Amino acid sequence: MGMTRIPFRPYHRDQVASIVVVEIRIYLRTAQELTLQTKATEKHITLKVDCPADLSANLNAPLLEQALTNLIDNAIKYSEAGS
């Protein structure tokens, strides 16, 4: 099994300024519906978002989106078809 390296990107001052209150569910649904649903469907994997509607956090939204997309993509990639 190969490992993919994620390039290190140091934080910049402008990224700290972009920390806002984010509804986590919205980013999970976006990653599922727009980005990863096709990959999951090709492997006959069902994606389900099970997250409280009111779950939110103060964070950098683009970094959250990237992290969730990477996590879900890896879960699909390393799961057996039909799971």
Protein backbone atom coordinates (compact mmCIF):
# COMPACT_ATOMS: atom_id res chain seq x y z
CA MET A 1 0.00 0.00 0.00
CA GLY A 2 1.50 3.34 -1.03
CA MET A 3 1.44 6.47 1.03
CA THR A 4 0.83 9.89 -0.46
CA ARG A 5 2.68 12.81 1.04
CA ILE A 6 0.78 16.02 1.60
CA PRO A 7 3.04 18.97 0.92
CA PHE A 8 3.79 21.08 3.99
CA ARG A 9 2.36 24.54 3.69
CA PRO A 10 3.34 26.91 6.49
CA TYR A 11 0.66 29.13 7.96
CA HIS A 12 0.64 32.77 6.99
CA ARG A 13 -0.66 35.66 9.05
CA ASP A 14 -3.61 36.16 6.68
CA GLN A 15 -4.82 32.61 7.42
CA VAL A 16 -5.17 33.38 11.11
CA ALA A 17 -7.40 36.33 10.22
CA SER A 18 -9.72 34.01 8.27
CA ILE A 19 -10.81 32.03 11.33
CA VAL A 20 -14.60 32.17 11.57
CA VAL A 21 -17.50 30.25 13.08
CA VAL A 22 -18.21 27.36 10.71
CA GLU A 23 -21.11 24.91 10.62
CA ILE A 24 -19.34 21.56 10.28
CA ARG A 25 -22.32 19.77 8.69
CA ILE A 26 -22.27 22.12 5.68
CA TYR A 27 -18.66 21.25 4.90
CA LEU A 28 -19.29 17.52 5.34
CA ARG A 29 -22.21 17.68 2.93
CA THR A 30 -20.21 19.73 0.43
CA ALA A 31 -17.35 17.22 0.48
CA GLN A 32 -19.83 14.38 0.08
CA GLU A 33 -22.10 15.80 -2.60
CA LEU A 34 -19.78 17.83 -4.78
CA THR A 35 -16.44 16.13 -4.46
CA LEU A 36 -16.54 12.52 -3.34
CA GLN A 37 -19.94 11.03 -4.12
CA THR A 38 -18.81 9.96 -7.60
CA LYS A 39 -15.79 8.08 -6.23
CA ALA A 40 -17.94 6.39 -3.60
CA THR A 41 -20.58 5.40 -6.16
CA GLU A 42 -17.92 3.86 -8.42
CA LYS A 43 -16.87 1.59 -5.53
CA HIS A 44 -20.48 0.93 -4.47
CA ILE A 45 -19.89 2.69 -1.15
CA THR A 46 -22.65 4.61 0.59
CA LEU A 47 -21.70 7.93 2.14
CA LYS A 48 -23.88 9.18 4.97
CA VAL A 49 -23.48 12.44 6.87
CA ASP A 50 -24.41 11.89 10.51
CA CYS A 51 -23.59 15.16 12.22
CA PRO A 52 -25.61 17.34 14.59
CA ALA A 53 -27.09 20.29 12.71
CA ASP A 54 -25.86 22.74 15.33
CA LEU A 55 -22.22 21.55 15.47
CA SER A 56 -19.94 24.51 14.81
CA ALA A 57 -16.39 25.59 15.58
CA ASN A 58 -14.10 28.59 15.23
CA LEU A 59 -11.64 27.64 12.52
CA ASN A 60 -10.23 28.28 9.08
CA ALA A 61 -12.96 27.14 6.66
CA PRO A 62 -10.73 26.34 3.64
CA LEU A 63 -8.42 24.24 5.81
CA LEU A 64 -11.40 22.37 7.27
CA GLU A 65 -12.72 21.69 3.78
CA GLN A 66 -9.33 20.35 2.69
CA ALA A 67 -8.98 18.16 5.79
CA LEU A 68 -12.49 16.67 5.49
CA THR A 69 -12.05 16.04 1.78
CA ASN A 70 -8.72 14.29 2.41
CA LEU A 71 -10.16 12.14 5.23
CA ILE A 72 -13.23 11.06 3.28
CA ASP A 73 -11.21 10.49 0.10
CA ASN A 74 -8.80 8.23 2.00
CA ALA A 75 -11.68 6.36 3.61
CA ILE A 76 -13.13 5.64 0.17
CA LYS A 77 -9.76 4.78 -1.33
CA TYR A 78 -8.87 2.24 1.37
CA SER A 79 -12.33 0.73 1.90
CA GLU A 80 -13.45 -2.42 0.15
CA ALA A 81 -15.99 -2.06 -2.62
CA GLY A 82 -19.55 -2.36 -1.38
CA SER A 83 -18.78 -1.36 2.17
